[in-house]
Amino acid sequence: MLSFVPTPIGNLGDITFRSLERLSNSEIVLCEDTRVSKQLFNLLSERYSDLFQKREREFISLHHHNQNRVLAQIDLSIFKSEVVYISDAGSPGISDPGVELVNFAIKHNIEFDVLPGATAISVGTLLSGFADRELLFWGFLPHKGKERSSELSTVLNSGYTTLLYESPHRIEKLLNELAEIKPNLHIFVAKELTKKFEKRWWGRAEEIREELKSENLKGEFLVVIKGVERNSSSAITTEDIEALSLPPKEKAKLLSKLTGEKVKEIYNRLISTSS
């Protein structure tokens, strides 16, 4: 039996009884990082010694970079044992490895179960005060380049309240981008949710950027961008603007307002495609 088991995103007390039971009974642990997982098992055995079995287990690394190789070589007979899959924190497959293992199990008719549990998404959404009926979870943006600019533009022009994950190395970069592109948007930023040194900030990107200058940025960040009201009846697309009989410079200005992309970059693209 294969079980996808969520683990606490910070506070060990958030482990569910079902998750604790599956981890306790496990014989084989497929995991994102064996060092992190072994430390978690040690902590659980200390804190929940009356509920958690301390036994010999095999830990097997299975993450984004090695999953294809590991799954191609794995012995299907191991799934006759009690096997669990865990990521470093939270629910496997939610901006973490795990989806490929689900597809592998479906393809090979391996019985599996997915347990509910903690995610930063639900905690951060409620904390932000921006909870809407419709939400957009984007996870991590690309690190740099046109791909990052394009995805950020999509997020900011979607109109939806959007949740992003960001690393401590790029949180300042993200705040700089938000302050430049959409300076009046209201956002919520949380660091190290549910942990001892959890921090929270509400405001505009520029305001939060200033507050973070005196903070230790070590830790994982969640950013919630408040959505804006969408008016579908008067919606205009980039295709509509590009079809207008206007000089490239004027088109570039309009497209910039719609997408958030820089005027110069759009202008150069329009010139290159028309030549």
C-alpha atoms as a PDB file:
ATOM      1  CA  MET A   1       0.000   0.000   0.000  1.00  0.00           C
ATOM      2  CA  LEU A   2       1.316   3.412  -0.985  1.00  0.00           C
ATOM      3  CA  SER A   3       0.259   6.460   1.042  1.00  0.00           C
ATOM      4  CA  PHE A   4       0.895  10.113   0.205  1.00  0.00           C
ATOM      5  CA  VAL A   5       1.226  11.668   3.637  1.00  0.00           C
ATOM      6  CA  PRO A   6       1.231  15.399   4.439  1.00  0.00           C
ATOM      7  CA  THR A   7       3.627  16.610   7.095  1.00  0.00           C
ATOM      8  CA  PRO A   8       3.549  19.848   9.149  1.00  0.00           C
ATOM      9  CA  ILE A   9       4.639  23.012   7.346  1.00  0.00           C
ATOM     10  CA  GLY A  10       6.336  24.168  10.523  1.00  0.00           C
ATOM     11  CA  ASN A  11       4.649  23.335  13.808  1.00  0.00           C
ATOM     12  CA  LEU A  12       5.051  19.638  14.653  1.00  0.00           C
ATOM     13  CA  GLY A  13       1.763  19.716  16.550  1.00  0.00           C
ATOM     14  CA  ASP A  14      -0.118  20.051  13.255  1.00  0.00           C
ATOM     15  CA  ILE A  15       0.486  16.402  12.331  1.00  0.00           C
ATOM     16  CA  THR A  16      -2.827  14.563  11.948  1.00  0.00           C
ATOM     17  CA  PHE A  17      -3.571  11.260  13.680  1.00  0.00           C
ATOM     18  CA  ARG A  18      -3.951   9.504  10.323  1.00  0.00           C
ATOM     19  CA  SER A  19      -0.609  10.851   9.094  1.00  0.00           C
ATOM     20  CA  LEU A  20       1.059   9.820  12.337  1.00  0.00           C
ATOM     21  CA  GLU A  21      -0.398   6.326  12.027  1.00  0.00           C
ATOM     22  CA  ARG A  22       0.750   5.861   8.412  1.00  0.00           C
ATOM     23  CA  LEU A  23       4.243   7.135   9.165  1.00  0.00           C
ATOM     24  CA  SER A  24       4.465   4.961  12.255  1.00  0.00           C
ATOM     25  CA  ASN A  25       3.476   1.818  10.319  1.00  0.00           C
ATOM     26  CA  SER A  26       5.700   2.581   7.334  1.00  0.00           C
ATOM     27  CA  GLU A  27       8.419   0.188   6.240  1.00  0.00           C
ATOM     28  CA  ILE A  28       9.670   2.140   3.229  1.00  0.00           C
ATOM     29  CA  VAL A  29       9.793   5.934   3.064  1.00  0.00           C
ATOM     30  CA  LEU A  30      10.002   7.584  -0.345  1.00  0.00           C
ATOM     31  CA  CYS A  31      10.898  11.197   0.304  1.00  0.00           C
ATOM     32  CA  GLU A  32      12.103  14.455  -1.182  1.00  0.00           C
ATOM     33  CA  ASP A  33      15.181  14.607   1.076  1.00  0.00           C
ATOM     34  CA  THR A  34      16.239  11.653   3.230  1.00  0.00           C
ATOM     35  CA  ARG A  35      18.040  13.883   5.749  1.00  0.00           C
ATOM     36  CA  VAL A  36      14.983  16.047   6.357  1.00  0.00           C
ATOM     37  CA  SER A  37      12.706  13.009   6.565  1.00  0.00           C
ATOM     38  CA  LYS A  38      14.914  11.113   9.018  1.00  0.00           C
ATOM     39  CA  GLN A  39      15.009  14.176  11.254  1.00  0.00           C
ATOM     40  CA  LEU A  40      11.197  14.383  11.117  1.00  0.00           C
ATOM     41  CA  PHE A  41      10.847  10.708  12.099  1.00  0.00           C
ATOM     42  CA  ASN A  42      13.214  11.222  15.022  1.00  0.00           C
ATOM     43  CA  LEU A  43      11.208  14.214  16.245  1.00  0.00           C
ATOM     44  CA  LEU A  44       7.920  12.311  15.921  1.00  0.00           C
ATOM     45  CA  SER A  45       9.268   9.314  17.816  1.00  0.00           C
ATOM     46  CA  GLU A  46      10.387  11.602  20.653  1.00  0.00           C
ATOM     47  CA  ARG A  47       7.219  13.700  20.872  1.00  0.00           C
ATOM     48  CA  TYR A  48       4.702  10.914  20.244  1.00  0.00           C
ATOM     49  CA  SER A  49       6.549   7.962  21.743  1.00  0.00           C
ATOM     50  CA  ASP A  50       3.301   6.317  22.840  1.00  0.00           C
ATOM     51  CA  LEU A  51       1.869   6.449  19.297  1.00  0.00           C
ATOM     52  CA  PHE A  52       4.901   6.189  17.061  1.00  0.00           C
ATOM     53  CA  GLN A  53       6.845   2.992  16.401  1.00  0.00           C
ATOM     54  CA  LYS A  54      10.598   3.313  16.461  1.00  0.00           C
ATOM     55  CA  ARG A  55      11.713   0.729  13.900  1.00  0.00           C
ATOM     56  CA  GLU A  56      14.126   0.150  11.047  1.00  0.00           C
ATOM     57  CA  ARG A  57      12.914   1.777   7.837  1.00  0.00           C
ATOM     58  CA  GLU A  58      14.374   2.169   4.369  1.00  0.00           C
ATOM     59  CA  PHE A  59      14.521   5.769   3.168  1.00  0.00           C
ATOM     60  CA  ILE A  60      14.654   6.301  -0.608  1.00  0.00           C
ATOM     61  CA  SER A  61      15.233   9.716  -2.186  1.00  0.00           C
ATOM     62  CA  LEU A  62      12.631  10.645  -4.806  1.00  0.00           C
ATOM     63  CA  HIS A  63      12.582  14.262  -5.981  1.00  0.00           C
ATOM     64  CA  HIS A  64      12.195  16.387  -9.127  1.00  0.00           C
ATOM     65  CA  HIS A  65      15.721  15.717 -10.378  1.00  0.00           C
ATOM     66  CA  ASN A  66      15.882  11.921  -9.973  1.00  0.00           C
ATOM     67  CA  GLN A  67      12.243  10.764 -10.125  1.00  0.00           C
ATOM     68  CA  ASN A  68      12.321   9.470 -13.720  1.00  0.00           C
ATOM     69  CA  ARG A  69      15.429   7.371 -13.089  1.00  0.00           C
ATOM     70  CA  VAL A  70      14.227   6.043  -9.717  1.00  0.00           C
ATOM     71  CA  LEU A  71      10.761   5.119 -10.975  1.00  0.00           C
ATOM     72  CA  ALA A  72      12.222   3.394 -14.048  1.00  0.00           C
ATOM     73  CA  GLN A  73      14.331   1.166 -11.792  1.00  0.00           C
ATOM     74  CA  ILE A  74      12.006   0.643  -8.820  1.00  0.00           C
ATOM     75  CA  ASP A  75      10.904  -2.898  -7.902  1.00  0.00           C
ATOM     76  CA  LEU A  76       7.095  -2.946  -7.916  1.00  0.00           C
ATOM     77  CA  SER A  77       7.091  -5.614  -5.224  1.00  0.00           C
ATOM     78  CA  ILE A  78       8.030  -2.974  -2.620  1.00  0.00           C
ATOM     79  CA  PHE A  79       4.459  -1.721  -2.762  1.00  0.00           C
ATOM     80  CA  LYS A  80       3.325  -4.919  -1.069  1.00  0.00           C
ATOM     81  CA  SER A  81       4.928  -3.330   1.993  1.00  0.00           C
ATOM     82  CA  GLU A  82       3.704  -0.233   3.815  1.00  0.00           C
ATOM     83  CA  VAL A  83       5.175   2.575   1.697  1.00  0.00           C
ATOM     84  CA  VAL A  84       4.728   6.291   2.327  1.00  0.00           C
ATOM     85  CA  TYR A  85       5.707   9.284   0.247  1.00  0.00           C
ATOM     86  CA  ILE A  86       6.442  12.602   1.965  1.00  0.00           C
ATOM     87  CA  SER A  87       7.868  15.910   0.807  1.00  0.00           C
ATOM     88  CA  ASP A  88       9.997  18.117   3.042  1.00  0.00           C
ATOM     89  CA  ALA A  89       6.886  19.891   4.380  1.00  0.00           C
ATOM     90  CA  GLY A  90       3.199  20.113   3.578  1.00  0.00           C
ATOM     91  CA  SER A  91       1.218  18.015   1.119  1.00  0.00           C
ATOM     92  CA  PRO A  92       3.178  16.107  -1.545  1.00  0.00           C
ATOM     93  CA  GLY A  93       2.515  17.276  -5.082  1.00  0.00           C
ATOM     94  CA  ILE A  94       1.502  20.831  -4.109  1.00  0.00           C
ATOM     95  CA  SER A  95       4.514  22.780  -5.455  1.00  0.00           C
ATOM     96  CA  ASP A  96       6.496  19.728  -4.348  1.00  0.00           C
ATOM     97  CA  PRO A  97       7.398  16.374  -5.923  1.00  0.00           C
ATOM     98  CA  GLY A  98       4.753  13.655  -5.893  1.00  0.00           C
ATOM     99  CA  VAL A  99       2.622  13.998  -9.021  1.00  0.00           C
ATOM    100  CA  GLU A 100       4.833  11.691 -11.099  1.00  0.00           C
ATOM    101  CA  LEU A 101       4.564   9.010  -8.416  1.00  0.00           C
ATOM    102  CA  VAL A 102       0.767   9.324  -8.495  1.00  0.00           C
ATOM    103  CA  ASN A 103       0.787   8.799 -12.272  1.00  0.00           C
ATOM    104  CA  PHE A 104       3.205   5.878 -11.851  1.00  0.00           C
ATOM    105  CA  ALA A 105       0.839   4.250  -9.341  1.00  0.00           C
ATOM    106  CA  ILE A 106      -2.155   4.714 -11.650  1.00  0.00           C
ATOM    107  CA  LYS A 107      -0.251   3.284 -14.635  1.00  0.00           C
ATOM    108  CA  HIS A 108       0.872   0.181 -12.716  1.00  0.00           C
ATOM    109  CA  ASN A 109      -2.390  -0.386 -10.810  1.00  0.00           C
ATOM    110  CA  ILE A 110      -0.701   0.213  -7.470  1.00  0.00           C
ATOM    111  CA  GLU A 111      -3.166   0.805  -4.666  1.00  0.00           C
ATOM    112  CA  PHE A 112      -2.582   4.216  -3.125  1.00  0.00           C
ATOM    113  CA  ASP A 113      -4.180   6.696  -0.772  1.00  0.00           C
ATOM    114  CA  VAL A 114      -3.816  10.473  -0.343  1.00  0.00           C
ATOM    115  CA  LEU A 115      -4.250  11.893   3.154  1.00  0.00           C
ATOM    116  CA  PRO A 116      -5.408  15.483   3.745  1.00  0.00           C
ATOM    117  CA  GLY A 117      -3.242  17.816   5.769  1.00  0.00           C
ATOM    118  CA  ALA A 118      -1.511  21.138   6.220  1.00  0.00           C
ATOM    119  CA  THR A 119      -0.627  23.473   3.349  1.00  0.00           C
ATOM    120  CA  ALA A 120       0.560  27.064   3.462  1.00  0.00           C
ATOM    121  CA  ILE A 121      -2.135  27.890   0.904  1.00  0.00           C
ATOM    122  CA  SER A 122      -5.103  27.534   3.245  1.00  0.00           C
ATOM    123  CA  VAL A 123      -3.352  29.167   6.212  1.00  0.00           C
ATOM    124  CA  GLY A 124      -2.076  32.109   4.162  1.00  0.00           C
ATOM    125  CA  THR A 125      -5.375  32.717   2.387  1.00  0.00           C
ATOM    126  CA  LEU A 126      -7.274  33.117   5.644  1.00  0.00           C
ATOM    127  CA  LEU A 127      -4.526  35.170   7.312  1.00  0.00           C
ATOM    128  CA  SER A 128      -4.398  37.616   4.415  1.00  0.00           C
ATOM    129  CA  GLY A 129      -8.007  38.657   4.739  1.00  0.00           C
ATOM    130  CA  PHE A 130      -8.240  38.479   0.930  1.00  0.00           C
ATOM    131  CA  ALA A 131     -10.175  35.194   0.772  1.00  0.00           C
ATOM    132  CA  ASP A 132     -12.438  35.203  -2.296  1.00  0.00           C
ATOM    133  CA  ARG A 133     -14.691  32.633  -3.895  1.00  0.00           C
ATOM    134  CA  GLU A 134     -12.175  32.394  -6.720  1.00  0.00           C
ATOM    135  CA  LEU A 135      -8.458  32.099  -5.961  1.00  0.00           C
ATOM    136  CA  LEU A 136      -5.396  31.513  -8.123  1.00  0.00           C
ATOM    137  CA  PHE A 137      -2.563  29.415  -6.681  1.00  0.00           C
ATOM    138  CA  TRP A 138       0.572  29.935  -8.762  1.00  0.00           C
ATOM    139  CA  GLY A 139       3.273  28.430  -6.550  1.00  0.00           C
ATOM    140  CA  PHE A 140       6.832  29.508  -7.450  1.00  0.00           C
ATOM    141  CA  LEU A 141       7.518  31.913 -10.305  1.00  0.00           C
ATOM    142  CA  PRO A 142      10.481  31.174 -12.605  1.00  0.00           C
ATOM    143  CA  HIS A 143      13.700  32.538 -11.166  1.00  0.00           C
ATOM    144  CA  LYS A 144      14.501  35.083 -13.871  1.00  0.00           C
ATOM    145  CA  GLY A 145      14.270  36.192 -17.465  1.00  0.00           C
ATOM    146  CA  LYS A 146      11.364  36.604 -19.865  1.00  0.00           C
ATOM    147  CA  GLU A 147       9.611  33.537 -18.462  1.00  0.00           C
ATOM    148  CA  ARG A 148       9.404  35.168 -15.032  1.00  0.00           C
ATOM    149  CA  SER A 149       8.226  38.486 -16.491  1.00  0.00           C
ATOM    150  CA  SER A 150       5.583  36.756 -18.589  1.00  0.00           C
ATOM    151  CA  GLU A 151       4.183  34.678 -15.725  1.00  0.00           C
ATOM    152  CA  LEU A 152       4.170  37.624 -13.315  1.00  0.00           C
ATOM    153  CA  SER A 153       2.308  39.675 -15.912  1.00  0.00           C
ATOM    154  CA  THR A 154      -0.272  36.893 -16.252  1.00  0.00           C
ATOM    155  CA  VAL A 155      -0.716  36.768 -12.477  1.00  0.00           C
ATOM    156  CA  LEU A 156      -1.081  40.515 -12.053  1.00  0.00           C
ATOM    157  CA  ASN A 157      -3.569  40.849 -14.896  1.00  0.00           C
ATOM    158  CA  SER A 158      -5.696  37.837 -13.988  1.00  0.00           C
ATOM    159  CA  GLY A 159      -7.821  39.831 -11.566  1.00  0.00           C
ATOM    160  CA  TYR A 160      -7.787  36.937  -9.090  1.00  0.00           C
ATOM    161  CA  THR A 161      -6.426  36.957  -5.572  1.00  0.00           C
ATOM    162  CA  THR A 162      -3.202  35.028  -6.164  1.00  0.00           C
ATOM    163  CA  LEU A 163      -0.912  33.019  -3.893  1.00  0.00           C
ATOM    164  CA  LEU A 164       2.803  32.809  -4.646  1.00  0.00           C
ATOM    165  CA  TYR A 165       5.633  30.995  -2.905  1.00  0.00           C
ATOM    166  CA  GLU A 166       8.993  32.740  -2.842  1.00  0.00           C
ATOM    167  CA  SER A 167      12.432  31.934  -1.514  1.00  0.00           C
ATOM    168  CA  PRO A 168      14.392  34.216   0.845  1.00  0.00           C
ATOM    169  CA  HIS A 169      16.839  34.884  -2.015  1.00  0.00           C
ATOM    170  CA  ARG A 170      14.174  36.380  -4.284  1.00  0.00           C
ATOM    171  CA  ILE A 171      11.582  37.948  -1.969  1.00  0.00           C
ATOM    172  CA  GLU A 172      13.158  41.416  -2.337  1.00  0.00           C
ATOM    173  CA  LYS A 173      13.206  40.987  -6.111  1.00  0.00           C
ATOM    174  CA  LEU A 174       9.505  40.104  -6.140  1.00  0.00           C
ATOM    175  CA  LEU A 175       8.605  43.114  -3.989  1.00  0.00           C
ATOM    176  CA  ASN A 176      10.642  45.364  -6.295  1.00  0.00           C
ATOM    177  CA  GLU A 177       8.784  43.973  -9.301  1.00  0.00           C
ATOM    178  CA  LEU A 178       5.382  44.438  -7.679  1.00  0.00           C
ATOM    179  CA  ALA A 179       6.231  47.974  -6.551  1.00  0.00           C
ATOM    180  CA  GLU A 180       7.259  48.914 -10.085  1.00  0.00           C
ATOM    181  CA  ILE A 181       4.491  47.204 -12.064  1.00  0.00           C
ATOM    182  CA  LYS A 182       1.444  47.515  -9.773  1.00  0.00           C
ATOM    183  CA  PRO A 183       2.402  49.890  -6.939  1.00  0.00           C
ATOM    184  CA  ASN A 184      -1.128  50.243  -5.538  1.00  0.00           C
ATOM    185  CA  LEU A 185      -1.928  46.559  -5.143  1.00  0.00           C
ATOM    186  CA  HIS A 186      -2.566  45.349  -1.610  1.00  0.00           C
ATOM    187  CA  ILE A 187      -0.543  42.295  -0.659  1.00  0.00           C
ATOM    188  CA  PHE A 188       0.073  40.046   2.334  1.00  0.00           C
ATOM    189  CA  VAL A 189       3.483  38.527   3.049  1.00  0.00           C
ATOM    190  CA  ALA A 190       4.145  35.762   5.565  1.00  0.00           C
ATOM    191  CA  LYS A 191       7.469  34.228   6.548  1.00  0.00           C
ATOM    192  CA  GLU A 192       7.866  30.798   8.162  1.00  0.00           C
ATOM    193  CA  LEU A 193       4.157  30.099   8.659  1.00  0.00           C
ATOM    194  CA  THR A 194       3.258  28.163  11.857  1.00  0.00           C
ATOM    195  CA  LYS A 195       6.884  28.238  13.056  1.00  0.00           C
ATOM    196  CA  LYS A 196       8.304  29.899  16.153  1.00  0.00           C
ATOM    197  CA  PHE A 197       9.524  32.985  14.293  1.00  0.00           C
ATOM    198  CA  GLU A 198       6.524  33.439  11.996  1.00  0.00           C
ATOM    199  CA  LYS A 199       6.182  37.000  10.696  1.00  0.00           C
ATOM    200  CA  ARG A 200       3.310  38.716   8.835  1.00  0.00           C
ATOM    201  CA  TRP A 201       3.020  41.950   6.865  1.00  0.00           C
ATOM    202  CA  TRP A 202       0.064  43.669   5.170  1.00  0.00           C
ATOM    203  CA  GLY A 203       0.244  46.664   2.816  1.00  0.00           C
ATOM    204  CA  ARG A 204       1.617  47.719  -0.538  1.00  0.00           C
ATOM    205  CA  ALA A 205       4.790  46.164  -1.944  1.00  0.00           C
ATOM    206  CA  GLU A 206       6.888  49.291  -1.376  1.00  0.00           C
ATOM    207  CA  GLU A 207       5.762  49.546   2.264  1.00  0.00           C
ATOM    208  CA  ILE A 208       6.535  45.906   3.005  1.00  0.00           C
ATOM    209  CA  ARG A 209       9.862  46.156   1.177  1.00  0.00           C
ATOM    210  CA  GLU A 210      10.907  48.924   3.560  1.00  0.00           C
ATOM    211  CA  GLU A 211       9.870  46.892   6.612  1.00  0.00           C
ATOM    212  CA  LEU A 212      11.841  43.878   5.415  1.00  0.00           C
ATOM    213  CA  LYS A 213      15.074  45.874   5.256  1.00  0.00           C
ATOM    214  CA  SER A 214      15.500  45.389   9.013  1.00  0.00           C
ATOM    215  CA  GLU A 215      14.429  41.729   8.975  1.00  0.00           C
ATOM    216  CA  ASN A 216      16.341  38.476   8.737  1.00  0.00           C
ATOM    217  CA  LEU A 217      15.101  37.105   5.427  1.00  0.00           C
ATOM    218  CA  LYS A 218      16.044  33.500   6.131  1.00  0.00           C
ATOM    219  CA  GLY A 219      13.001  31.263   5.693  1.00  0.00           C
ATOM    220  CA  GLU A 220      10.239  30.522   3.198  1.00  0.00           C
ATOM    221  CA  PHE A 221       7.776  33.197   2.120  1.00  0.00           C
ATOM    222  CA  LEU A 222       4.154  33.191   1.031  1.00  0.00           C
ATOM    223  CA  VAL A 223       2.837  36.217  -0.851  1.00  0.00           C
ATOM    224  CA  VAL A 224      -0.897  36.799  -1.348  1.00  0.00           C
ATOM    225  CA  ILE A 225      -1.808  39.434  -3.930  1.00  0.00           C
ATOM    226  CA  LYS A 226      -5.290  40.869  -3.506  1.00  0.00           C
ATOM    227  CA  GLY A 227      -7.408  40.507  -6.631  1.00  0.00           C
ATOM    228  CA  VAL A 228      -9.071  43.407  -8.385  1.00  0.00           C
ATOM    229  CA  GLU A 229     -12.608  43.523  -9.660  1.00  0.00           C
ATOM    230  CA  ARG A 230     -12.920  42.184 -13.196  1.00  0.00           C
ATOM    231  CA  ASN A 231     -15.403  43.600 -15.665  1.00  0.00           C
ATOM    232  CA  SER A 232     -15.882  40.925 -18.310  1.00  0.00           C
ATOM    233  CA  SER A 233     -18.360  42.988 -20.315  1.00  0.00           C
ATOM    234  CA  SER A 234     -15.690  45.538 -21.239  1.00  0.00           C
ATOM    235  CA  ALA A 235     -12.683  43.246 -21.323  1.00  0.00           C
ATOM    236  CA  ILE A 236     -10.084  44.006 -23.988  1.00  0.00           C
ATOM    237  CA  THR A 237      -7.357  41.601 -25.061  1.00  0.00           C
ATOM    238  CA  THR A 238      -3.836  42.082 -26.380  1.00  0.00           C
ATOM    239  CA  GLU A 239      -5.089  40.817 -29.747  1.00  0.00           C
ATOM    240  CA  ASP A 240      -7.672  43.618 -29.825  1.00  0.00           C
ATOM    241  CA  ILE A 241      -4.978  46.240 -29.305  1.00  0.00           C
ATOM    242  CA  GLU A 242      -2.559  44.717 -31.809  1.00  0.00           C
ATOM    243  CA  ALA A 243      -5.309  44.792 -34.451  1.00  0.00           C
ATOM    244  CA  LEU A 244      -5.774  48.571 -34.081  1.00  0.00           C
ATOM    245  CA  SER A 245      -4.493  50.927 -36.796  1.00  0.00           C
ATOM    246  CA  LEU A 246      -2.057  52.717 -34.523  1.00  0.00           C
ATOM    247  CA  PRO A 247       1.682  53.453 -34.647  1.00  0.00           C
ATOM    248  CA  PRO A 248       3.793  50.799 -32.857  1.00  0.00           C
ATOM    249  CA  LYS A 249       4.739  53.232 -30.100  1.00  0.00           C
ATOM    250  CA  GLU A 250       1.085  53.930 -29.216  1.00  0.00           C
ATOM    251  CA  LYS A 251       0.252  50.224 -29.337  1.00  0.00           C
ATOM    252  CA  ALA A 252       3.199  49.510 -27.047  1.00  0.00           C
ATOM    253  CA  LYS A 253       1.918  52.025 -24.476  1.00  0.00           C
ATOM    254  CA  LEU A 254      -1.555  50.457 -24.456  1.00  0.00           C
ATOM    255  CA  LEU A 255      -0.195  46.921 -24.255  1.00  0.00           C
ATOM    256  CA  SER A 256       2.060  47.955 -21.394  1.00  0.00           C
ATOM    257  CA  LYS A 257      -0.934  49.221 -19.411  1.00  0.00           C
ATOM    258  CA  LEU A 258      -2.763  45.942 -20.027  1.00  0.00           C
ATOM    259  CA  THR A 259       0.066  43.472 -19.388  1.00  0.00           C
ATOM    260  CA  GLY A 260       2.517  45.307 -17.141  1.00  0.00           C
ATOM    261  CA  GLU A 261       5.360  44.606 -19.558  1.00  0.00           C
ATOM    262  CA  LYS A 262       7.805  47.452 -20.264  1.00  0.00           C
ATOM    263  CA  VAL A 263       6.905  49.730 -23.197  1.00  0.00           C
ATOM    264  CA  LYS A 264      10.364  49.431 -24.771  1.00  0.00           C
ATOM    265  CA  GLU A 265      10.278  45.623 -24.787  1.00  0.00           C
ATOM    266  CA  ILE A 266       6.823  45.575 -26.406  1.00  0.00           C
ATOM    267  CA  TYR A 267       7.823  48.224 -28.958  1.00  0.00           C
ATOM    268  CA  ASN A 268      10.921  46.254 -30.010  1.00  0.00           C
ATOM    269  CA  ARG A 269       8.830  43.101 -30.376  1.00  0.00           C
ATOM    270  CA  LEU A 270       6.217  44.875 -32.495  1.00  0.00           C
ATOM    271  CA  ILE A 271       8.901  46.332 -34.757  1.00  0.00           C
ATOM    272  CA  SER A 272      10.650  42.959 -35.202  1.00  0.00           C
ATOM    273  CA  THR A 273       7.413  41.118 -36.065  1.00  0.00           C
ATOM    274  CA  SER A 274       6.297  43.745 -38.581  1.00  0.00           C
ATOM    275  CA  SER A 275       9.618  43.822 -40.465  1.00  0.00           C
END
